[in-house]
Amino acid sequence: MSKLSAEKRKELQKLAARPDREIDLSDIPEIREIPSDAVIGRFYRPKKTTVTIRLDVDVVAWLKATGDGYQTRINAYLRHLMQQHRQQ
């Protein structure tokens, strides 16, 4: 891998300093709808940590009764609560 020449680095810095409104997007098609096979967040895998938590028996029974993935749903419920709290 070769290093950038001083000339090329200066050119890139000049381009980076230009405002977004000056970027020519005419050769890039606009995406008007999400493709039917698209999966949002498919490649995003946040770092996880293992915790021990004590929950009421009926809460865990309810979560497990609603199907597989109850730990994922707990995480989603807590994330939703966290986002609501941050908006306040």
PDB file of N, CA and C in Angstrom:
ATOM      1  N   MET A   1       0.841  -1.183   0.000  1.00  0.00           N
ATOM      2  CA  MET A   1       0.000   0.000   0.000  1.00  0.00           C
ATOM      3  C   MET A   1       0.883   1.242   0.000  1.00  0.00           C
ATOM      4  N   SER A   2       0.722   2.098  -0.975  1.00  0.00           N
ATOM      5  CA  SER A   2       1.550   3.293  -1.080  1.00  0.00           C
ATOM      6  C   SER A   2       0.907   4.460  -0.341  1.00  0.00           C
ATOM      7  N   LYS A   3       1.761   5.331   0.136  1.00  0.00           N
ATOM      8  CA  LYS A   3       1.283   6.515   0.837  1.00  0.00           C
ATOM      9  C   LYS A   3       0.830   7.553  -0.178  1.00  0.00           C
ATOM     10  N   LEU A   4      -0.043   8.440   0.273  1.00  0.00           N
ATOM     11  CA  LEU A   4      -0.515   9.516  -0.592  1.00  0.00           C
ATOM     12  C   LEU A   4       0.581  10.552  -0.791  1.00  0.00           C
ATOM     13  N   SER A   5       0.671  11.036  -1.997  1.00  0.00           N
ATOM     14  CA  SER A   5       1.615  12.120  -2.255  1.00  0.00           C
ATOM     15  C   SER A   5       1.058  13.394  -1.624  1.00  0.00           C
ATOM     16  N   ALA A   6       1.916  14.346  -1.404  1.00  0.00           N
ATOM     17  CA  ALA A   6       1.493  15.620  -0.816  1.00  0.00           C
ATOM     18  C   ALA A   6       0.445  16.290  -1.697  1.00  0.00           C
ATOM     19  N   GLU A   7       0.624  16.173  -3.001  1.00  0.00           N
ATOM     20  CA  GLU A   7      -0.324  16.771  -3.948  1.00  0.00           C
ATOM     21  C   GLU A   7      -1.704  16.122  -3.837  1.00  0.00           C
ATOM     22  N   LYS A   8      -1.723  14.774  -3.785  1.00  0.00           N
ATOM     23  CA  LYS A   8      -2.998  14.047  -3.690  1.00  0.00           C
ATOM     24  C   LYS A   8      -3.680  14.335  -2.348  1.00  0.00           C
ATOM     25  N   ARG A   9      -2.890  14.371  -1.279  1.00  0.00           N
ATOM     26  CA  ARG A   9      -3.447  14.671   0.048  1.00  0.00           C
ATOM     27  C   ARG A   9      -4.090  16.059   0.061  1.00  0.00           C
ATOM     28  N   LYS A  10      -3.430  17.029  -0.549  1.00  0.00           N
ATOM     29  CA  LYS A  10      -3.956  18.400  -0.611  1.00  0.00           C
ATOM     30  C   LYS A  10      -5.265  18.430  -1.403  1.00  0.00           C
ATOM     31  N   GLU A  11      -5.300  17.688  -2.519  1.00  0.00           N
ATOM     32  CA  GLU A  11      -6.515  17.610  -3.341  1.00  0.00           C
ATOM     33  C   GLU A  11      -7.676  17.002  -2.550  1.00  0.00           C
ATOM     34  N   LEU A  12      -7.397  15.933  -1.810  1.00  0.00           N
ATOM     35  CA  LEU A  12      -8.452  15.289  -1.009  1.00  0.00           C
ATOM     36  C   LEU A  12      -8.939  16.196   0.120  1.00  0.00           C
ATOM     37  N   GLN A  13      -8.036  16.920   0.746  1.00  0.00           N
ATOM     38  CA  GLN A  13      -8.429  17.846   1.803  1.00  0.00           C
ATOM     39  C   GLN A  13      -9.307  18.965   1.249  1.00  0.00           C
ATOM     40  N   LYS A  14      -8.983  19.436   0.047  1.00  0.00           N
ATOM     41  CA  LYS A  14      -9.783  20.473  -0.602  1.00  0.00           C
ATOM     42  C   LYS A  14     -11.188  19.951  -0.899  1.00  0.00           C
ATOM     43  N   LEU A  15     -11.280  18.713  -1.392  1.00  0.00           N
ATOM     44  CA  LEU A  15     -12.593  18.109  -1.660  1.00  0.00           C
ATOM     45  C   LEU A  15     -13.391  17.924  -0.369  1.00  0.00           C
ATOM     46  N   ALA A  16     -12.730  17.478   0.689  1.00  0.00           N
ATOM     47  CA  ALA A  16     -13.410  17.245   1.968  1.00  0.00           C
ATOM     48  C   ALA A  16     -13.945  18.537   2.568  1.00  0.00           C
ATOM     49  N   ALA A  17     -13.309  19.650   2.256  1.00  0.00           N
ATOM     50  CA  ALA A  17     -13.732  20.944   2.807  1.00  0.00           C
ATOM     51  C   ALA A  17     -14.945  21.527   2.083  1.00  0.00           C
ATOM     52  N   ARG A  18     -15.277  20.982   0.916  1.00  0.00           N
ATOM     53  CA  ARG A  18     -16.426  21.504   0.150  1.00  0.00           C
ATOM     54  C   ARG A  18     -17.738  21.140   0.849  1.00  0.00           C
ATOM     55  N   PRO A  19     -18.730  22.016   0.797  1.00  0.00           N
ATOM     56  CA  PRO A  19     -20.027  21.708   1.418  1.00  0.00           C
ATOM     57  C   PRO A  19     -20.770  20.606   0.649  1.00  0.00           C
ATOM     58  N   ASP A  20     -21.603  19.875   1.345  1.00  0.00           N
ATOM     59  CA  ASP A  20     -22.361  18.770   0.750  1.00  0.00           C
ATOM     60  C   ASP A  20     -23.199  19.210  -0.448  1.00  0.00           C
ATOM     61  N   ARG A  21     -23.713  20.418  -0.414  1.00  0.00           N
ATOM     62  CA  ARG A  21     -24.593  20.883  -1.490  1.00  0.00           C
ATOM     63  C   ARG A  21     -23.872  20.956  -2.834  1.00  0.00           C
ATOM     64  N   GLU A  22     -22.558  20.965  -2.802  1.00  0.00           N
ATOM     65  CA  GLU A  22     -21.773  21.022  -4.036  1.00  0.00           C
ATOM     66  C   GLU A  22     -21.452  19.642  -4.612  1.00  0.00           C
ATOM     67  N   ILE A  23     -21.873  18.584  -3.941  1.00  0.00           N
ATOM     68  CA  ILE A  23     -21.599  17.230  -4.431  1.00  0.00           C
ATOM     69  C   ILE A  23     -22.572  16.906  -5.558  1.00  0.00           C
ATOM     70  N   ASP A  24     -22.035  16.475  -6.679  1.00  0.00           N
ATOM     71  CA  ASP A  24     -22.849  16.119  -7.847  1.00  0.00           C
ATOM     72  C   ASP A  24     -23.350  14.680  -7.690  1.00  0.00           C
ATOM     73  N   LEU A  25     -24.644  14.523  -7.480  1.00  0.00           N
ATOM     74  CA  LEU A  25     -25.258  13.202  -7.311  1.00  0.00           C
ATOM     75  C   LEU A  25     -26.052  12.784  -8.545  1.00  0.00           C
ATOM     76  N   SER A  26     -25.879  13.493  -9.633  1.00  0.00           N
ATOM     77  CA  SER A  26     -26.702  13.256 -10.819  1.00  0.00           C
ATOM     78  C   SER A  26     -26.511  11.870 -11.423  1.00  0.00           C
ATOM     79  N   ASP A  27     -25.368  11.243 -11.205  1.00  0.00           N
ATOM     80  CA  ASP A  27     -25.139   9.918 -11.786  1.00  0.00           C
ATOM     81  C   ASP A  27     -25.481   8.784 -10.815  1.00  0.00           C
ATOM     82  N   ILE A  28     -26.047   9.123  -9.654  1.00  0.00           N
ATOM     83  CA  ILE A  28     -26.424   8.116  -8.656  1.00  0.00           C
ATOM     84  C   ILE A  28     -27.952   8.066  -8.590  1.00  0.00           C
ATOM     85  N   PRO A  29     -28.553   6.915  -8.887  1.00  0.00           N
ATOM     86  CA  PRO A  29     -30.018   6.840  -8.835  1.00  0.00           C
ATOM     87  C   PRO A  29     -30.535   6.958  -7.402  1.00  0.00           C
ATOM     88  N   GLU A  30     -31.627   7.672  -7.257  1.00  0.00           N
ATOM     89  CA  GLU A  30     -32.245   7.838  -5.954  1.00  0.00           C
ATOM     90  C   GLU A  30     -32.992   6.562  -5.579  1.00  0.00           C
ATOM     91  N   ILE A  31     -32.842   6.131  -4.328  1.00  0.00           N
ATOM     92  CA  ILE A  31     -33.571   4.960  -3.844  1.00  0.00           C
ATOM     93  C   ILE A  31     -34.900   5.456  -3.286  1.00  0.00           C
ATOM     94  N   ARG A  32     -35.977   5.092  -3.942  1.00  0.00           N
ATOM     95  CA  ARG A  32     -37.293   5.576  -3.544  1.00  0.00           C
ATOM     96  C   ARG A  32     -38.019   4.611  -2.620  1.00  0.00           C
ATOM     97  N   GLU A  33     -37.669   3.349  -2.647  1.00  0.00           N
ATOM     98  CA  GLU A  33     -38.303   2.387  -1.748  1.00  0.00           C
ATOM     99  C   GLU A  33     -37.277   1.336  -1.351  1.00  0.00           C
ATOM    100  N   ILE A  34     -37.478   0.762  -0.183  1.00  0.00           N
ATOM    101  CA  ILE A  34     -36.569  -0.270   0.304  1.00  0.00           C
ATOM    102  C   ILE A  34     -36.897  -1.574  -0.424  1.00  0.00           C
ATOM    103  N   PRO A  35     -35.895  -2.243  -0.983  1.00  0.00           N
ATOM    104  CA  PRO A  35     -36.163  -3.515  -1.669  1.00  0.00           C
ATOM    105  C   PRO A  35     -36.847  -4.513  -0.737  1.00  0.00           C
ATOM    106  N   SER A  36     -37.709  -5.348  -1.285  1.00  0.00           N
ATOM    107  CA  SER A  36     -38.492  -6.273  -0.464  1.00  0.00           C
ATOM    108  C   SER A  36     -37.626  -7.277   0.291  1.00  0.00           C
ATOM    109  N   ASP A  37     -36.438  -7.565  -0.198  1.00  0.00           N
ATOM    110  CA  ASP A  37     -35.581  -8.537   0.479  1.00  0.00           C
ATOM    111  C   ASP A  37     -34.577  -7.874   1.438  1.00  0.00           C
ATOM    112  N   ALA A  38     -34.695  -6.558   1.629  1.00  0.00           N
ATOM    113  CA  ALA A  38     -33.779  -5.846   2.517  1.00  0.00           C
ATOM    114  C   ALA A  38     -34.111  -6.158   3.968  1.00  0.00           C
ATOM    115  N   VAL A  39     -33.076  -6.280   4.765  1.00  0.00           N
ATOM    116  CA  VAL A  39     -33.228  -6.528   6.194  1.00  0.00           C
ATOM    117  C   VAL A  39     -32.522  -5.393   6.917  1.00  0.00           C
ATOM    118  N   ILE A  40     -33.287  -4.566   7.601  1.00  0.00           N
ATOM    119  CA  ILE A  40     -32.719  -3.423   8.305  1.00  0.00           C
ATOM    120  C   ILE A  40     -31.936  -3.926   9.512  1.00  0.00           C
ATOM    121  N   GLY A  41     -30.719  -3.447   9.647  1.00  0.00           N
ATOM    122  CA  GLY A  41     -29.871  -3.848  10.766  1.00  0.00           C
ATOM    123  C   GLY A  41     -29.236  -5.212  10.608  1.00  0.00           C
ATOM    124  N   ARG A  42     -29.268  -5.775   9.421  1.00  0.00           N
ATOM    125  CA  ARG A  42     -28.784  -7.138   9.195  1.00  0.00           C
ATOM    126  C   ARG A  42     -27.326  -7.320   9.591  1.00  0.00           C
ATOM    127  N   PHE A  43     -26.487  -6.336   9.324  1.00  0.00           N
ATOM    128  CA  PHE A  43     -25.066  -6.485   9.594  1.00  0.00           C
ATOM    129  C   PHE A  43     -24.621  -5.761  10.855  1.00  0.00           C
ATOM    130  N   TYR A  44     -25.547  -5.119  11.547  1.00  0.00           N
ATOM    131  CA  TYR A  44     -25.213  -4.421  12.782  1.00  0.00           C
ATOM    132  C   TYR A  44     -25.338  -5.393  13.939  1.00  0.00           C
ATOM    133  N   ARG A  45     -24.238  -5.674  14.590  1.00  0.00           N
ATOM    134  CA  ARG A  45     -24.236  -6.571  15.732  1.00  0.00           C
ATOM    135  C   ARG A  45     -23.562  -5.862  16.901  1.00  0.00           C
ATOM    136  N   PRO A  46     -24.378  -5.246  17.767  1.00  0.00           N
ATOM    137  CA  PRO A  46     -23.762  -4.536  18.887  1.00  0.00           C
ATOM    138  C   PRO A  46     -23.058  -5.510  19.823  1.00  0.00           C
ATOM    139  N   LYS A  47     -22.050  -5.038  20.479  1.00  0.00           N
ATOM    140  CA  LYS A  47     -21.312  -5.846  21.436  1.00  0.00           C
ATOM    141  C   LYS A  47     -22.242  -6.209  22.591  1.00  0.00           C
ATOM    142  N   LYS A  48     -22.196  -7.449  23.010  1.00  0.00           N
ATOM    143  CA  LYS A  48     -23.067  -7.930  24.082  1.00  0.00           C
ATOM    144  C   LYS A  48     -22.239  -8.219  25.324  1.00  0.00           C
ATOM    145  N   THR A  49     -22.907  -8.183  26.463  1.00  0.00           N
ATOM    146  CA  THR A  49     -22.282  -8.564  27.718  1.00  0.00           C
ATOM    147  C   THR A  49     -23.235  -9.484  28.466  1.00  0.00           C
ATOM    148  N   THR A  50     -22.679 -10.413  29.196  1.00  0.00           N
ATOM    149  CA  THR A  50     -23.488 -11.346  29.972  1.00  0.00           C
ATOM    150  C   THR A  50     -23.751 -10.736  31.339  1.00  0.00           C
ATOM    151  N   VAL A  51     -25.016 -10.768  31.758  1.00  0.00           N
ATOM    152  CA  VAL A  51     -25.391 -10.256  33.075  1.00  0.00           C
ATOM    153  C   VAL A  51     -26.273 -11.286  33.776  1.00  0.00           C
ATOM    154  N   THR A  52     -26.318 -11.173  35.086  1.00  0.00           N
ATOM    155  CA  THR A  52     -27.243 -11.975  35.871  1.00  0.00           C
ATOM    156  C   THR A  52     -28.295 -11.010  36.400  1.00  0.00           C
ATOM    157  N   ILE A  53     -29.552 -11.365  36.195  1.00  0.00           N
ATOM    158  CA  ILE A  53     -30.643 -10.491  36.610  1.00  0.00           C
ATOM    159  C   ILE A  53     -31.728 -11.348  37.242  1.00  0.00           C
ATOM    160  N   ARG A  54     -32.328 -10.859  38.285  1.00  0.00           N
ATOM    161  CA  ARG A  54     -33.391 -11.599  38.953  1.00  0.00           C
ATOM    162  C   ARG A  54     -34.726 -10.986  38.539  1.00  0.00           C
ATOM    163  N   LEU A  55     -35.549 -11.797  37.900  1.00  0.00           N
ATOM    164  CA  LEU A  55     -36.860 -11.359  37.428  1.00  0.00           C
ATOM    165  C   LEU A  55     -37.936 -12.190  38.089  1.00  0.00           C
ATOM    166  N   ASP A  56     -39.131 -11.628  38.179  1.00  0.00           N
ATOM    167  CA  ASP A  56     -40.256 -12.365  38.727  1.00  0.00           C
ATOM    168  C   ASP A  56     -40.574 -13.564  37.840  1.00  0.00           C
ATOM    169  N   VAL A  57     -40.962 -14.668  38.479  1.00  0.00           N
ATOM    170  CA  VAL A  57     -41.233 -15.915  37.768  1.00  0.00           C
ATOM    171  C   VAL A  57     -42.320 -15.729  36.708  1.00  0.00           C
ATOM    172  N   ASP A  58     -43.374 -14.983  37.034  1.00  0.00           N
ATOM    173  CA  ASP A  58     -44.462 -14.820  36.075  1.00  0.00           C
ATOM    174  C   ASP A  58     -44.034 -13.987  34.859  1.00  0.00           C
ATOM    175  N   VAL A  59     -43.105 -13.049  35.059  1.00  0.00           N
ATOM    176  CA  VAL A  59     -42.611 -12.243  33.951  1.00  0.00           C
ATOM    177  C   VAL A  59     -41.819 -13.126  32.989  1.00  0.00           C
ATOM    178  N   VAL A  60     -40.944 -13.959  33.529  1.00  0.00           N
ATOM    179  CA  VAL A  60     -40.148 -14.855  32.688  1.00  0.00           C
ATOM    180  C   VAL A  60     -41.055 -15.860  31.984  1.00  0.00           C
ATOM    181  N   ALA A  61     -42.053 -16.391  32.692  1.00  0.00           N
ATOM    182  CA  ALA A  61     -42.990 -17.341  32.081  1.00  0.00           C
ATOM    183  C   ALA A  61     -43.734 -16.692  30.919  1.00  0.00           C
ATOM    184  N   TRP A  62     -44.157 -15.447  31.104  1.00  0.00           N
ATOM    185  CA  TRP A  62     -44.857 -14.740  30.031  1.00  0.00           C
ATOM    186  C   TRP A  62     -43.949 -14.535  28.823  1.00  0.00           C
ATOM    187  N   LEU A  63     -42.715 -14.111  29.079  1.00  0.00           N
ATOM    188  CA  LEU A  63     -41.768 -13.900  27.990  1.00  0.00           C
ATOM    189  C   LEU A  63     -41.494 -15.187  27.220  1.00  0.00           C
ATOM    190  N   LYS A  64     -41.276 -16.277  27.945  1.00  0.00           N
ATOM    191  CA  LYS A  64     -40.992 -17.552  27.294  1.00  0.00           C
ATOM    192  C   LYS A  64     -42.213 -18.091  26.559  1.00  0.00           C
ATOM    193  N   ALA A  65     -43.395 -17.808  27.067  1.00  0.00           N
ATOM    194  CA  ALA A  65     -44.629 -18.301  26.446  1.00  0.00           C
ATOM    195  C   ALA A  65     -44.920 -17.609  25.125  1.00  0.00           C
ATOM    196  N   THR A  66     -44.347 -16.436  24.927  1.00  0.00           N
ATOM    197  CA  THR A  66     -44.605 -15.708  23.685  1.00  0.00           C
ATOM    198  C   THR A  66     -43.679 -16.142  22.554  1.00  0.00           C
ATOM    199  N   GLY A  67     -42.855 -17.155  22.784  1.00  0.00           N
ATOM    200  CA  GLY A  67     -42.029 -17.713  21.714  1.00  0.00           C
ATOM    201  C   GLY A  67     -40.543 -17.602  21.974  1.00  0.00           C
ATOM    202  N   ASP A  68     -39.797 -18.203  21.061  1.00  0.00           N
ATOM    203  CA  ASP A  68     -38.339 -18.160  21.161  1.00  0.00           C
ATOM    204  C   ASP A  68     -37.839 -16.728  21.067  1.00  0.00           C
ATOM    205  N   GLY A  69     -36.645 -16.520  21.594  1.00  0.00           N
ATOM    206  CA  GLY A  69     -36.027 -15.205  21.512  1.00  0.00           C
ATOM    207  C   GLY A  69     -36.430 -14.269  22.628  1.00  0.00           C
ATOM    208  N   TYR A  70     -36.802 -14.818  23.782  1.00  0.00           N
ATOM    209  CA  TYR A  70     -37.271 -13.936  24.855  1.00  0.00           C
ATOM    210  C   TYR A  70     -36.162 -13.016  25.349  1.00  0.00           C
ATOM    211  N   GLN A  71     -34.903 -13.475  25.338  1.00  0.00           N
ATOM    212  CA  GLN A  71     -33.816 -12.601  25.781  1.00  0.00           C
ATOM    213  C   GLN A  71     -33.618 -11.443  24.798  1.00  0.00           C
ATOM    214  N   THR A  72     -33.785 -11.723  23.531  1.00  0.00           N
ATOM    215  CA  THR A  72     -33.694 -10.677  22.513  1.00  0.00           C
ATOM    216  C   THR A  72     -34.814  -9.666  22.709  1.00  0.00           C
ATOM    217  N   ARG A  73     -36.013 -10.154  23.039  1.00  0.00           N
ATOM    218  CA  ARG A  73     -37.139  -9.235  23.285  1.00  0.00           C
ATOM    219  C   ARG A  73     -36.906  -8.395  24.535  1.00  0.00           C
ATOM    220  N   ILE A  74     -36.329  -8.998  25.577  1.00  0.00           N
ATOM    221  CA  ILE A  74     -36.008  -8.217  26.776  1.00  0.00           C
ATOM    222  C   ILE A  74     -35.069  -7.077  26.399  1.00  0.00           C
ATOM    223  N   ASN A  75     -34.052  -7.397  25.594  1.00  0.00           N
ATOM    224  CA  ASN A  75     -33.106  -6.369  25.154  1.00  0.00           C
ATOM    225  C   ASN A  75     -33.828  -5.282  24.353  1.00  0.00           C
ATOM    226  N   ALA A  76     -34.736  -5.686  23.462  1.00  0.00           N
ATOM    227  CA  ALA A  76     -35.478  -4.718  22.644  1.00  0.00           C
ATOM    228  C   ALA A  76     -36.368  -3.830  23.521  1.00  0.00           C
ATOM    229  N   TYR A  77     -37.019  -4.427  24.530  1.00  0.00           N
ATOM    230  CA  TYR A  77     -37.868  -3.644  25.441  1.00  0.00           C
ATOM    231  C   TYR A  77     -37.022  -2.621  26.198  1.00  0.00           C
ATOM    232  N   LEU A  78     -35.864  -3.057  26.689  1.00  0.00           N
ATOM    233  CA  LEU A  78     -34.995  -2.154  27.438  1.00  0.00           C
ATOM    234  C   LEU A  78     -34.413  -1.062  26.532  1.00  0.00           C
ATOM    235  N   ARG A  79     -34.057  -1.423  25.296  1.00  0.00           N
ATOM    236  CA  ARG A  79     -33.542  -0.425  24.350  1.00  0.00           C
ATOM    237  C   ARG A  79     -34.614   0.630  24.069  1.00  0.00           C
ATOM    238  N   HIS A  80     -35.855   0.185  23.859  1.00  0.00           N
ATOM    239  CA  HIS A  80     -36.965   1.114  23.612  1.00  0.00           C
ATOM    240  C   HIS A  80     -37.129   2.065  24.802  1.00  0.00           C
ATOM    241  N   LEU A  81     -37.100   1.517  26.008  1.00  0.00           N
ATOM    242  CA  LEU A  81     -37.219   2.332  27.213  1.00  0.00           C
ATOM    243  C   LEU A  81     -36.062   3.328  27.316  1.00  0.00           C
ATOM    244  N   MET A  82     -34.843   2.871  26.987  1.00  0.00           N
ATOM    245  CA  MET A  82     -33.674   3.734  27.028  1.00  0.00           C
ATOM    246  C   MET A  82     -33.833   4.891  26.033  1.00  0.00           C
ATOM    247  N   GLN A  83     -34.293   4.596  24.823  1.00  0.00           N
ATOM    248  CA  GLN A  83     -34.460   5.640  23.818  1.00  0.00           C
ATOM    249  C   GLN A  83     -35.538   6.635  24.217  1.00  0.00           C
ATOM    250  N   GLN A  84     -36.626   6.147  24.811  1.00  0.00           N
ATOM    251  CA  GLN A  84     -37.663   7.064  25.294  1.00  0.00           C
ATOM    252  C   GLN A  84     -37.102   7.994  26.385  1.00  0.00           C
ATOM    253  N   HIS A  85     -36.327   7.417  27.263  1.00  0.00           N
ATOM    254  CA  HIS A  85     -35.756   8.191  28.363  1.00  0.00           C
ATOM    255  C   HIS A  85     -34.799   9.263  27.842  1.00  0.00           C
ATOM    256  N   ARG A  86     -34.012   8.928  26.807  1.00  0.00           N
ATOM    257  CA  ARG A  86     -33.055   9.883  26.230  1.00  0.00           C
ATOM    258  C   ARG A  86     -33.754  11.046  25.548  1.00  0.00           C
ATOM    259  N   GLN A  87     -34.984  10.835  25.040  1.00  0.00           N
ATOM    260  CA  GLN A  87     -35.715  11.878  24.343  1.00  0.00           C
ATOM    261  C   GLN A  87     -36.321  12.895  25.299  1.00  0.00           C
ATOM    262  N   GLN A  88     -36.381  12.567  26.561  1.00  0.00           N
ATOM    263  CA  GLN A  88     -37.003  13.468  27.545  1.00  0.00           C
ATOM    264  C   GLN A  88     -36.106  14.601  27.920  1.00  0.00           C
TER     265      GLN A  88
END
